[in-house]
Amino acid sequence: MTRGRRVSYVVAGLLLAGGASFWFRFHRSHAVAPKPSPSVLLVSIDTLRADHVGAYGAKVSTPTMDALANEGVLFERAVSHVPLTLPSHTSLFTATYPIAHGVRDNGAFRLSPSHVTMATILREHGYRTGAFVGAFPLDSRFGLDRGFEVYDDAYGEASAYDAKIADRPADDVLKPAVAWIEARAGKRYFAFVHLYDPHSPYAPPRPFAARFPNDLYSGEIAYVDDALGRFFSRLAAAGRMENTIVVITADHGEGLGEHGEKTHGMFAYDATLHVPLIFHWKDALSPGVRVAARVRSVNRRFSKDFFLQGSFDYQWRSELRAPTLEGTSPLFSDPLPVNFVQNNNAAVSLRQKNTSWQFRILGRYVLPHEIAVSGNVRVTSGFNWAPIQSADVPGAGTVDFFTSDLDRRSETVPIVDFRAEKAFKINARHRVTGMVDFYNVFNSNSEVNFILRTGSAFRNLIAVLDPRTVKVGIRYQF
């Protein structure tokens, strides 16, 4: 875990424990009362710096967001990982880095259908899902519409002669959003609302432009806060704020000239990466909580799908090496008759130690569509061995015997195994899983050479360990 406790933005994980209660991973005492599974309203305000929100110390108040913070939980050090709209929102919805989800810039990438998103998870768990976006960077063509029943990106089109990105003001985004939420009375919902107004070029409506003639960026934020106030008031009047988690955040901030960057997208300083994050859940979260630990939009959302285990085994055995007993050495036994002096060498002990060890790492990762891959890496010690001497024994002919203790060891053996599996769900209780196993994939060092002495000559005894093998299997669960 990195410095500072990590808390996922992905609220889906907060909802899927049967809805009995809501526990923040970082501090359980922030939840004060068990409640049924809540609805989720996620509001992303594009290009909103944390230090331009009143609750974060801004000189200009933002009464709507400030009230939510006073009644809920405010994260003082929330960090976005990408100062670009589409990649940042993709990380927000998948809890993965751009290097993992593949969306690295606006307008040129599309999220692969293989990725699980917040919307797909919540829809699978019975939530009604709707998204209402304010500008072209989050157009449905870029793949974030997966999992949403409704993806409202009716922001219009920009003129071919206008460099401005096609967008719509906050009121035009919130109007269809509130209508959609009201129409789903009595049902759990997940609504995603994207407000683009603070993005450059700054052009707040006239009342707010007049209030902030020298700071139009703050004017845009004030307008969004005012629009959200009216939006939340209407939802409250319709009873749709009850048992609803409201999350206020941003995809990134704005340079505003700091470090020579007027807007965003080039540098990774706090100006463009420090964003607000506010959780509000009436009567379920302790009011007025401020969390100083650093949190971020990317976290181990898939940790439940990843398993990693390491182990180290060491065995020490004290074994009796007598010609009357079956040999216990994993390499060779003493084939000598009872009436022959043990190994004909007083220096060779009748009882000797035989040790072995194995280090193992096992990993398993579950991909979308119930596909899983797993790997097993074993590093195994070699065998104890000793040189062999041939001798003529009266009545027994020529026999071999050890000339020293088993104090030598063959080379260490690394072995890699791999499995791929695909599960097919028959019904709620039954499923069939097909498996393909590849043992000793690289077949490296699978032949261990033992140098054995026979008279004055040397010869190799080759023990084959785990040859390359492919196995196909089927598992039925019921």
Protein backbone atom coordinates (compact mmCIF):
# COMPACT_ATOMS: atom_id res chain seq x y z
CA MET A 1 0.00 0.00 0.00
CA THR A 2 1.32 3.45 -0.87
CA ARG A 3 1.87 6.20 1.65
CA GLY A 4 -1.50 7.47 2.74
CA ARG A 5 -4.40 5.09 2.92
CA ARG A 6 -6.02 4.40 -0.39
CA VAL A 7 -9.76 4.77 -0.80
CA SER A 8 -11.50 3.88 -4.03
CA TYR A 9 -13.70 6.35 -5.80
CA VAL A 10 -15.61 3.37 -7.10
CA VAL A 11 -18.72 3.50 -4.98
CA ALA A 12 -19.97 0.22 -6.38
CA GLY A 13 -17.86 -1.62 -3.87
CA LEU A 14 -19.63 0.21 -1.08
CA LEU A 15 -23.00 -1.12 -2.12
CA LEU A 16 -22.60 -4.79 -2.82
CA ALA A 17 -22.43 -6.29 0.66
CA GLY A 18 -26.16 -6.92 0.69
CA GLY A 19 -26.92 -3.31 1.48
CA ALA A 20 -26.77 -3.92 5.23
CA SER A 21 -24.46 -1.04 5.98
CA PHE A 22 -22.00 1.41 4.53
CA TRP A 23 -18.44 1.20 5.80
CA PHE A 24 -15.66 3.35 4.59
CA ARG A 25 -12.62 1.17 4.25
CA PHE A 26 -10.40 3.78 5.89
CA HIS A 27 -12.47 4.38 9.04
CA ARG A 28 -15.60 2.48 9.94
CA SER A 29 -16.79 5.01 12.48
CA HIS A 30 -17.84 7.38 9.70
CA ALA A 31 -20.94 5.22 9.15
CA VAL A 32 -23.50 5.65 11.89
CA ALA A 33 -26.54 3.58 10.95
CA PRO A 34 -27.34 0.46 8.91
CA LYS A 35 -29.52 1.20 5.89
CA PRO A 36 -30.83 -0.70 2.85
CA SER A 37 -28.80 -0.54 -0.34
CA PRO A 38 -28.86 3.13 -1.39
CA SER A 39 -29.22 4.83 -4.72
CA VAL A 40 -26.07 6.52 -6.04
CA LEU A 41 -25.82 9.95 -7.60
CA LEU A 42 -22.33 10.68 -8.94
CA VAL A 43 -21.70 14.28 -10.04
CA SER A 44 -18.47 15.04 -11.86
CA ILE A 45 -17.75 18.73 -12.37
CA ASP A 46 -15.25 19.03 -15.16
CA THR A 47 -12.05 21.04 -14.54
CA LEU A 48 -12.91 21.89 -10.92
CA ARG A 49 -9.95 22.70 -8.68
CA ALA A 50 -10.41 21.71 -5.06
CA ASP A 51 -9.22 25.11 -3.81
CA HIS A 52 -12.08 26.81 -5.67
CA VAL A 53 -14.73 25.13 -3.51
CA GLY A 54 -15.73 26.98 -0.35
CA ALA A 55 -15.45 23.89 1.85
CA TYR A 56 -11.81 23.55 0.74
CA GLY A 57 -10.98 27.10 1.74
CA ALA A 58 -11.91 29.10 -1.34
CA LYS A 59 -12.54 32.81 -0.78
CA VAL A 60 -15.79 32.53 -2.72
CA SER A 61 -18.43 30.25 -1.21
CA THR A 62 -20.14 27.45 -3.07
CA PRO A 63 -23.17 27.00 -0.80
CA THR A 64 -24.55 23.80 -2.34
CA MET A 65 -21.31 21.85 -2.24
CA ASP A 66 -20.40 23.37 1.11
CA ALA A 67 -23.67 22.17 2.63
CA LEU A 68 -23.10 18.63 1.36
CA ALA A 69 -19.61 18.67 2.87
CA ASN A 70 -20.90 19.96 6.22
CA GLU A 71 -23.48 17.16 6.34
CA GLY A 72 -21.18 14.43 5.02
CA VAL A 73 -17.55 13.48 4.50
CA LEU A 74 -14.96 15.65 2.76
CA PHE A 75 -11.65 14.22 1.52
CA GLU A 76 -8.98 16.87 1.79
CA ARG A 77 -6.41 15.20 -0.45
CA ALA A 78 -8.29 13.56 -3.33
CA VAL A 79 -6.12 13.06 -6.38
CA SER A 80 -6.97 12.46 -10.02
CA HIS A 81 -4.39 10.59 -12.06
CA VAL A 82 -4.98 12.14 -15.48
CA PRO A 83 -5.55 15.85 -16.25
CA LEU A 84 -7.72 14.96 -19.26
CA THR A 85 -11.48 14.42 -19.33
CA LEU A 86 -11.95 11.06 -21.06
CA PRO A 87 -8.96 9.18 -19.58
CA SER A 88 -9.74 10.49 -16.09
CA HIS A 89 -13.39 9.45 -16.23
CA THR A 90 -12.38 6.07 -17.63
CA SER A 91 -10.09 5.58 -14.63
CA LEU A 92 -12.93 6.72 -12.36
CA PHE A 93 -15.32 4.14 -13.83
CA THR A 94 -12.86 1.23 -14.06
CA ALA A 95 -10.51 2.03 -11.13
CA THR A 96 -7.54 1.31 -13.39
CA TYR A 97 -4.71 3.38 -14.81
CA PRO A 98 -4.67 4.48 -18.47
CA ILE A 99 -1.93 1.94 -19.11
CA ALA A 100 -4.46 -0.73 -18.07
CA HIS A 101 -7.69 0.57 -19.62
CA GLY A 102 -5.99 1.92 -22.75
CA VAL A 103 -7.71 5.32 -22.95
CA ARG A 104 -4.83 7.80 -23.03
CA ASP A 105 -6.31 10.96 -24.53
CA ASN A 106 -9.54 12.68 -25.51
CA GLY A 107 -11.19 11.88 -28.81
CA ALA A 108 -8.82 9.19 -30.09
CA PHE A 109 -9.47 6.16 -27.87
CA ARG A 110 -12.41 3.93 -27.00
CA LEU A 111 -12.79 1.83 -23.87
CA SER A 112 -12.67 -1.87 -24.73
CA PRO A 113 -15.86 -3.86 -24.01
CA SER A 114 -13.73 -6.30 -22.01
CA HIS A 115 -13.48 -3.85 -19.10
CA VAL A 116 -15.86 -4.00 -16.16
CA THR A 117 -17.18 -0.57 -15.14
CA MET A 118 -19.02 0.89 -12.20
CA ALA A 119 -22.22 1.00 -14.27
CA THR A 120 -22.02 -2.64 -15.38
CA ILE A 121 -21.54 -3.81 -11.80
CA LEU A 122 -24.45 -1.81 -10.41
CA ARG A 123 -26.76 -2.79 -13.26
CA GLU A 124 -25.95 -6.46 -12.63
CA HIS A 125 -27.07 -5.89 -9.03
CA GLY A 126 -30.46 -4.52 -9.96
CA TYR A 127 -29.80 -0.78 -10.22
CA ARG A 128 -31.44 1.37 -12.88
CA THR A 129 -28.61 3.23 -14.59
CA GLY A 130 -28.59 6.57 -16.40
CA ALA A 131 -25.87 8.99 -17.51
CA PHE A 132 -26.19 12.64 -18.50
CA VAL A 133 -23.08 14.22 -19.94
CA GLY A 134 -22.27 17.80 -20.77
CA ALA A 135 -19.75 17.66 -23.61
CA PHE A 136 -18.25 15.77 -26.51
CA PRO A 137 -15.23 14.26 -24.67
CA LEU A 138 -17.62 11.82 -22.95
CA ASP A 139 -19.65 11.02 -26.05
CA SER A 140 -21.03 7.48 -26.08
CA ARG A 141 -18.80 6.61 -29.03
CA PHE A 142 -15.85 6.44 -26.61
CA GLY A 143 -17.23 3.48 -24.68
CA LEU A 144 -18.30 4.83 -21.28
CA ASP A 145 -21.96 4.12 -22.10
CA ARG A 146 -21.54 0.42 -21.23
CA GLY A 147 -23.85 -0.58 -18.41
CA PHE A 148 -26.17 2.43 -18.76
CA GLU A 149 -29.78 1.98 -19.78
CA VAL A 150 -29.84 5.65 -20.75
CA TYR A 151 -26.77 7.58 -21.90
CA ASP A 152 -27.90 11.12 -22.65
CA ASP A 153 -25.18 12.90 -24.62
CA ALA A 154 -27.48 15.26 -26.52
CA TYR A 155 -25.17 18.25 -26.22
CA GLY A 156 -25.60 19.36 -29.83
CA GLU A 157 -22.86 20.01 -32.34
CA ALA A 158 -20.21 22.70 -32.56
CA SER A 159 -19.75 24.72 -35.72
CA ALA A 160 -17.08 23.48 -38.09
CA TYR A 161 -15.63 27.01 -37.93
CA ASP A 162 -15.65 27.10 -34.14
CA ALA A 163 -12.75 25.59 -32.19
CA LYS A 164 -14.98 25.26 -29.13
CA ILE A 165 -15.87 21.71 -28.08
CA ALA A 166 -19.56 20.86 -28.38
CA ASP A 167 -21.14 21.12 -24.94
CA ARG A 168 -24.27 22.23 -23.08
CA PRO A 169 -24.73 24.21 -19.85
CA ALA A 170 -25.41 22.60 -16.48
CA ASP A 171 -29.15 23.37 -16.53
CA ASP A 172 -29.52 21.49 -19.83
CA VAL A 173 -27.78 18.45 -18.33
CA LEU A 174 -29.65 18.47 -15.04
CA LYS A 175 -33.12 18.86 -16.55
CA PRO A 176 -33.26 15.39 -18.19
CA ALA A 177 -31.36 13.90 -15.24
CA VAL A 178 -33.94 14.99 -12.66
CA ALA A 179 -36.79 13.83 -14.89
CA TRP A 180 -35.19 10.39 -15.29
CA ILE A 181 -34.62 10.02 -11.53
CA GLU A 182 -38.17 11.13 -10.67
CA ALA A 183 -39.61 8.63 -13.15
CA ARG A 184 -37.95 5.78 -11.26
CA ALA A 185 -39.65 6.35 -7.93
CA GLY A 186 -39.27 3.45 -5.55
CA LYS A 187 -36.37 1.93 -7.48
CA ARG A 188 -32.65 2.02 -6.73
CA TYR A 189 -30.78 4.02 -9.29
CA PHE A 190 -27.27 4.96 -10.29
CA ALA A 191 -27.14 8.32 -12.03
CA PHE A 192 -23.97 9.84 -13.44
CA VAL A 193 -24.07 13.58 -14.10
CA HIS A 194 -21.23 15.34 -15.92
CA LEU A 195 -21.13 19.14 -15.85
CA TYR A 196 -18.64 20.75 -18.24
CA ASP A 197 -19.08 24.46 -17.51
CA PRO A 198 -15.79 25.25 -15.69
CA HIS A 199 -13.85 24.04 -18.72
CA SER A 200 -12.28 26.72 -20.90
CA PRO A 201 -13.33 28.92 -22.62
CA TYR A 202 -15.03 30.40 -19.57
CA ALA A 203 -18.42 31.89 -20.37
CA PRO A 204 -20.76 31.85 -17.33
CA PRO A 205 -24.35 33.07 -17.70
CA ARG A 206 -24.82 36.82 -17.37
CA PRO A 207 -25.59 37.08 -13.61
CA PHE A 208 -22.46 35.13 -12.73
CA ALA A 209 -20.30 36.82 -15.33
CA ALA A 210 -21.33 40.14 -13.77
CA ARG A 211 -20.41 38.90 -10.27
CA PHE A 212 -16.99 37.68 -11.41
CA PRO A 213 -15.94 40.02 -14.23
CA ASN A 214 -12.25 39.40 -13.57
CA ASP A 215 -12.51 35.71 -12.74
CA LEU A 216 -14.83 33.99 -15.19
CA TYR A 217 -13.56 30.58 -14.10
CA SER A 218 -14.98 31.18 -10.61
CA GLY A 219 -18.12 32.49 -12.26
CA GLU A 220 -18.59 29.15 -14.03
CA ILE A 221 -18.15 27.30 -10.72
CA ALA A 222 -20.67 29.57 -8.98
CA TYR A 223 -23.18 28.91 -11.78
CA VAL A 224 -22.72 25.13 -11.50
CA ASP A 225 -23.13 25.26 -7.74
CA ASP A 226 -26.34 27.28 -8.11
CA ALA A 227 -27.72 24.84 -10.72
CA LEU A 228 -26.92 21.91 -8.44
CA GLY A 229 -28.75 23.62 -5.58
CA ARG A 230 -31.94 23.79 -7.62
CA PHE A 231 -31.39 20.22 -8.84
CA PHE A 232 -31.02 18.79 -5.33
CA SER A 233 -33.99 20.80 -4.06
CA ARG A 234 -36.25 19.31 -6.70
CA LEU A 235 -35.03 15.78 -5.93
CA ALA A 236 -35.58 16.34 -2.22
CA ALA A 237 -39.12 17.57 -2.85
CA ALA A 238 -39.79 14.39 -4.83
CA GLY A 239 -38.34 12.24 -2.04
CA ARG A 240 -35.48 11.03 -4.25
CA MET A 241 -32.70 12.19 -1.95
CA GLU A 242 -33.71 9.73 0.73
CA ASN A 243 -31.26 6.86 1.11
CA THR A 244 -29.12 8.24 -1.71
CA ILE A 245 -25.35 8.53 -1.73
CA VAL A 246 -24.35 11.78 -3.42
CA VAL A 247 -20.73 11.96 -4.57
CA ILE A 248 -19.28 15.26 -5.78
CA THR A 249 -15.91 15.13 -7.52
CA ALA A 250 -14.01 16.31 -10.59
CA ASP A 251 -11.97 14.71 -13.35
CA HIS A 252 -9.10 17.19 -12.94
CA GLY A 253 -8.34 20.78 -12.04
CA GLU A 254 -7.10 23.82 -13.98
CA GLY A 255 -3.64 25.37 -14.21
CA LEU A 256 -4.77 29.03 -14.18
CA GLY A 257 -1.23 30.07 -15.00
CA GLU A 258 0.56 28.08 -12.32
CA HIS A 259 3.82 26.54 -13.58
CA GLY A 260 3.20 28.34 -16.85
CA GLU A 261 0.10 26.27 -17.70
CA LYS A 262 -3.07 28.22 -18.38
CA THR A 263 -5.48 25.27 -18.63
CA HIS A 264 -4.57 21.58 -18.21
CA GLY A 265 -3.36 18.45 -19.96
CA MET A 266 0.39 19.05 -20.01
CA PHE A 267 1.68 19.01 -16.44
CA ALA A 268 0.91 16.93 -13.35
CA TYR A 269 0.93 19.42 -10.48
CA ASP A 270 -1.64 19.86 -7.71
CA ALA A 271 -3.30 22.62 -9.71
CA THR A 272 -4.58 20.06 -12.20
CA LEU A 273 -4.63 16.87 -10.09
CA HIS A 274 -6.01 17.94 -6.68
CA VAL A 275 -9.78 17.61 -6.97
CA PRO A 276 -12.72 17.81 -4.56
CA LEU A 277 -14.32 14.64 -3.25
CA ILE A 278 -17.41 14.84 -1.07
CA PHE A 279 -19.65 11.99 0.09
CA HIS A 280 -23.15 12.75 1.40
CA TRP A 281 -25.58 10.15 2.70
CA LYS A 282 -28.26 11.63 4.92
CA ASP A 283 -28.64 9.98 8.34
CA ALA A 284 -26.05 7.34 7.43
CA LEU A 285 -22.74 9.22 7.55
CA SER A 286 -21.42 11.22 10.45
CA PRO A 287 -21.71 14.90 9.47
CA GLY A 288 -18.77 17.23 9.14
CA VAL A 289 -16.06 14.58 8.83
CA ARG A 290 -12.85 15.67 7.09
CA VAL A 291 -10.42 12.97 5.98
CA ALA A 292 -6.80 14.10 5.71
CA ALA A 293 -5.45 10.86 4.21
CA ARG A 294 -4.69 10.91 0.52
CA VAL A 295 -7.23 9.13 -1.67
CA ARG A 296 -7.36 8.67 -5.39
CA SER A 297 -9.57 7.78 -8.32
CA VAL A 298 -7.60 4.61 -9.04
CA ASN A 299 -7.59 1.86 -6.47
CA ARG A 300 -7.65 -1.91 -6.24
CA ARG A 301 -11.23 -2.27 -7.41
CA PHE A 302 -10.32 -5.67 -8.83
CA SER A 303 -8.59 -6.86 -5.67
CA LYS A 304 -11.43 -9.29 -5.03
CA ASP A 305 -10.63 -10.83 -8.44
CA PHE A 306 -6.91 -11.19 -7.79
CA PHE A 307 -5.32 -13.74 -5.52
CA LEU A 308 -1.62 -13.96 -4.70
CA GLN A 309 -0.01 -16.39 -2.30
CA GLY A 310 3.58 -17.17 -1.49
CA SER A 311 4.94 -20.01 0.60
CA PHE A 312 8.25 -21.49 1.67
CA ASP A 313 8.57 -25.09 2.81
CA TYR A 314 11.64 -26.62 4.41
CA GLN A 315 12.03 -30.26 5.39
CA TRP A 316 14.77 -31.79 7.48
CA ARG A 317 14.89 -35.54 7.89
CA SER A 318 17.27 -37.75 9.85
CA GLU A 319 17.23 -41.07 8.01
CA LEU A 320 18.70 -44.44 8.87
CA ARG A 321 20.76 -45.78 5.98
CA ALA A 322 21.11 -49.47 6.62
CA PRO A 323 21.43 -52.20 4.03
CA THR A 324 18.62 -54.12 5.66
CA LEU A 325 16.17 -51.26 5.03
CA GLU A 326 14.66 -49.98 1.86
CA GLY A 327 16.65 -46.95 0.78
CA THR A 328 15.08 -43.69 1.89
CA SER A 329 17.26 -41.39 -0.16
CA PRO A 330 15.26 -39.84 -3.03
CA LEU A 331 18.24 -40.54 -5.28
CA PHE A 332 19.57 -43.97 -4.56
CA SER A 333 19.41 -46.79 -2.02
CA ASP A 334 22.17 -48.89 -0.53
CA PRO A 335 22.05 -52.23 -2.40
CA LEU A 336 24.40 -54.01 -0.01
CA PRO A 337 23.90 -57.39 1.69
CA VAL A 338 23.42 -57.57 5.42
CA ASN A 339 26.80 -59.16 6.10
CA PHE A 340 28.72 -56.38 4.36
CA VAL A 341 30.09 -53.56 6.50
CA GLN A 342 27.97 -50.46 5.87
CA ASN A 343 29.60 -48.63 2.97
CA ASN A 344 32.93 -50.12 4.04
CA ASN A 345 33.81 -46.72 5.43
CA ALA A 346 33.64 -45.73 9.06
CA ALA A 347 33.29 -42.08 8.04
CA VAL A 348 29.90 -42.78 6.43
CA SER A 349 27.17 -42.44 9.04
CA LEU A 350 24.41 -44.95 9.46
CA ARG A 351 22.03 -42.06 10.15
CA GLN A 352 22.23 -39.05 7.87
CA LYS A 353 20.30 -35.86 7.29
CA ASN A 354 18.38 -35.30 4.11
CA THR A 355 16.98 -31.79 3.51
CA SER A 356 14.78 -30.20 0.86
CA TRP A 357 13.02 -26.88 0.35
CA GLN A 358 10.54 -25.30 -2.04
CA PHE A 359 9.53 -21.68 -2.62
CA ARG A 360 6.19 -21.20 -4.36
CA ILE A 361 4.22 -18.24 -5.66
CA LEU A 362 0.66 -18.80 -6.84
CA GLY A 363 -1.35 -16.05 -8.56
CA ARG A 364 -4.85 -16.03 -10.00
CA TYR A 365 -6.65 -13.23 -11.83
CA VAL A 366 -10.30 -13.21 -12.85
CA LEU A 367 -11.05 -11.36 -16.08
CA PRO A 368 -14.44 -10.23 -17.40
CA HIS A 369 -16.81 -12.87 -18.83
CA GLU A 370 -15.77 -15.36 -16.11
CA ILE A 371 -12.39 -16.04 -17.65
CA ALA A 372 -9.52 -16.66 -15.24
CA VAL A 373 -5.81 -17.16 -15.63
CA SER A 374 -3.46 -18.47 -12.99
CA GLY A 375 0.22 -19.15 -12.71
CA ASN A 376 2.36 -21.19 -10.38
CA VAL A 377 6.10 -20.63 -10.00
CA ARG A 378 8.04 -23.18 -8.00
CA VAL A 379 11.69 -23.08 -7.11
CA THR A 380 12.66 -26.49 -5.76
CA SER A 381 15.92 -27.54 -4.18
CA GLY A 382 17.88 -30.39 -5.70
CA PHE A 383 18.40 -33.81 -4.12
CA ASN A 384 21.05 -34.84 -1.66
CA TRP A 385 23.50 -37.24 -3.24
CA ALA A 386 26.90 -38.84 -2.77
CA PRO A 387 29.44 -40.53 -5.09
CA ILE A 388 29.02 -44.25 -5.64
CA GLN A 389 31.85 -46.79 -5.58
CA SER A 390 31.69 -50.22 -7.14
CA ALA A 391 33.03 -53.14 -5.11
CA ASP A 392 33.25 -56.90 -5.52
CA VAL A 393 31.42 -58.59 -2.67
CA PRO A 394 31.90 -62.33 -2.18
CA GLY A 395 28.74 -64.16 -3.00
CA ALA A 396 27.06 -60.97 -4.26
CA GLY A 397 29.16 -59.96 -7.22
CA THR A 398 29.85 -56.34 -8.06
CA VAL A 399 27.70 -53.87 -6.12
CA ASP A 400 27.60 -50.10 -5.74
CA PHE A 401 27.74 -48.29 -2.43
CA PHE A 402 28.02 -44.69 -1.23
CA THR A 403 31.51 -43.51 -0.37
CA SER A 404 30.45 -40.50 1.70
CA ASP A 405 27.50 -38.92 3.39
CA LEU A 406 24.72 -37.40 1.28
CA ASP A 407 26.29 -33.99 1.64
CA ARG A 408 26.11 -32.92 -1.98
CA ARG A 409 23.09 -31.40 -3.71
CA SER A 410 21.94 -31.22 -7.29
CA GLU A 411 21.03 -27.91 -8.89
CA THR A 412 17.96 -25.91 -7.91
CA VAL A 413 15.02 -26.35 -10.26
CA PRO A 414 12.60 -23.53 -11.29
CA ILE A 415 9.28 -24.77 -12.66
CA VAL A 416 6.46 -22.66 -14.13
CA ASP A 417 2.89 -23.94 -14.49
CA PHE A 418 -0.01 -22.08 -16.12
CA ARG A 419 -3.77 -22.50 -16.21
CA ALA A 420 -6.52 -20.84 -18.26
CA GLU A 421 -10.18 -21.42 -17.44
CA LYS A 422 -13.61 -20.29 -18.60
CA ALA A 423 -16.77 -20.71 -16.55
CA PHE A 424 -20.21 -21.17 -18.06
CA LYS A 425 -23.15 -20.40 -15.81
CA ILE A 426 -26.03 -22.83 -16.15
CA ASN A 427 -28.25 -21.28 -13.49
CA ALA A 428 -27.93 -19.65 -10.08
CA ARG A 429 -26.45 -22.79 -8.50
CA HIS A 430 -24.80 -24.73 -11.31
CA ARG A 431 -21.88 -23.91 -13.55
CA VAL A 432 -19.35 -25.73 -15.70
CA THR A 433 -15.72 -24.63 -15.96
CA GLY A 434 -13.35 -25.72 -18.70
CA MET A 435 -9.64 -25.76 -17.79
CA VAL A 436 -6.41 -26.10 -19.73
CA ASP A 437 -3.24 -26.69 -17.70
CA PHE A 438 0.31 -26.30 -18.97
CA TYR A 439 2.85 -27.86 -16.63
CA ASN A 440 6.49 -26.85 -16.74
CA VAL A 441 5.78 -24.36 -19.51
CA PHE A 442 9.39 -23.47 -20.25
CA ASN A 443 10.78 -26.95 -19.54
CA SER A 444 13.84 -25.23 -18.07
CA ASN A 445 16.27 -27.22 -15.95
CA SER A 446 13.85 -30.12 -15.82
CA GLU A 447 16.72 -32.55 -16.24
CA VAL A 448 18.97 -32.57 -13.21
CA ASN A 449 22.41 -34.03 -13.68
CA PHE A 450 24.05 -36.00 -10.90
CA ILE A 451 27.72 -36.71 -11.14
CA LEU A 452 28.29 -40.19 -9.79
CA ARG A 453 31.61 -41.96 -9.42
CA THR A 454 31.94 -45.59 -10.48
CA GLY A 455 35.48 -46.78 -9.98
CA SER A 456 37.72 -44.21 -11.67
CA ALA A 457 35.10 -43.12 -14.23
CA PHE A 458 32.29 -40.65 -14.08
CA ARG A 459 28.78 -41.05 -15.38
CA ASN A 460 25.60 -38.97 -15.35
CA LEU A 461 22.38 -40.09 -13.80
CA ILE A 462 19.53 -38.01 -15.22
CA ALA A 463 16.34 -37.58 -13.25
CA VAL A 464 13.54 -36.03 -15.25
CA LEU A 465 11.43 -33.67 -13.17
CA ASP A 466 8.01 -32.48 -14.29
CA PRO A 467 8.33 -32.78 -18.07
CA ARG A 468 6.24 -30.40 -20.17
CA THR A 469 2.63 -31.59 -19.97
CA VAL A 470 -0.74 -30.31 -21.18
CA LYS A 471 -3.93 -31.35 -19.38
CA VAL A 472 -7.54 -30.51 -20.23
CA GLY A 473 -10.20 -30.75 -17.56
CA ILE A 474 -13.81 -29.89 -16.73
CA ARG A 475 -15.15 -28.88 -13.34
CA TYR A 476 -18.85 -29.00 -12.48
CA GLN A 477 -20.10 -26.94 -9.54
CA PHE A 478 -23.47 -27.43 -7.93
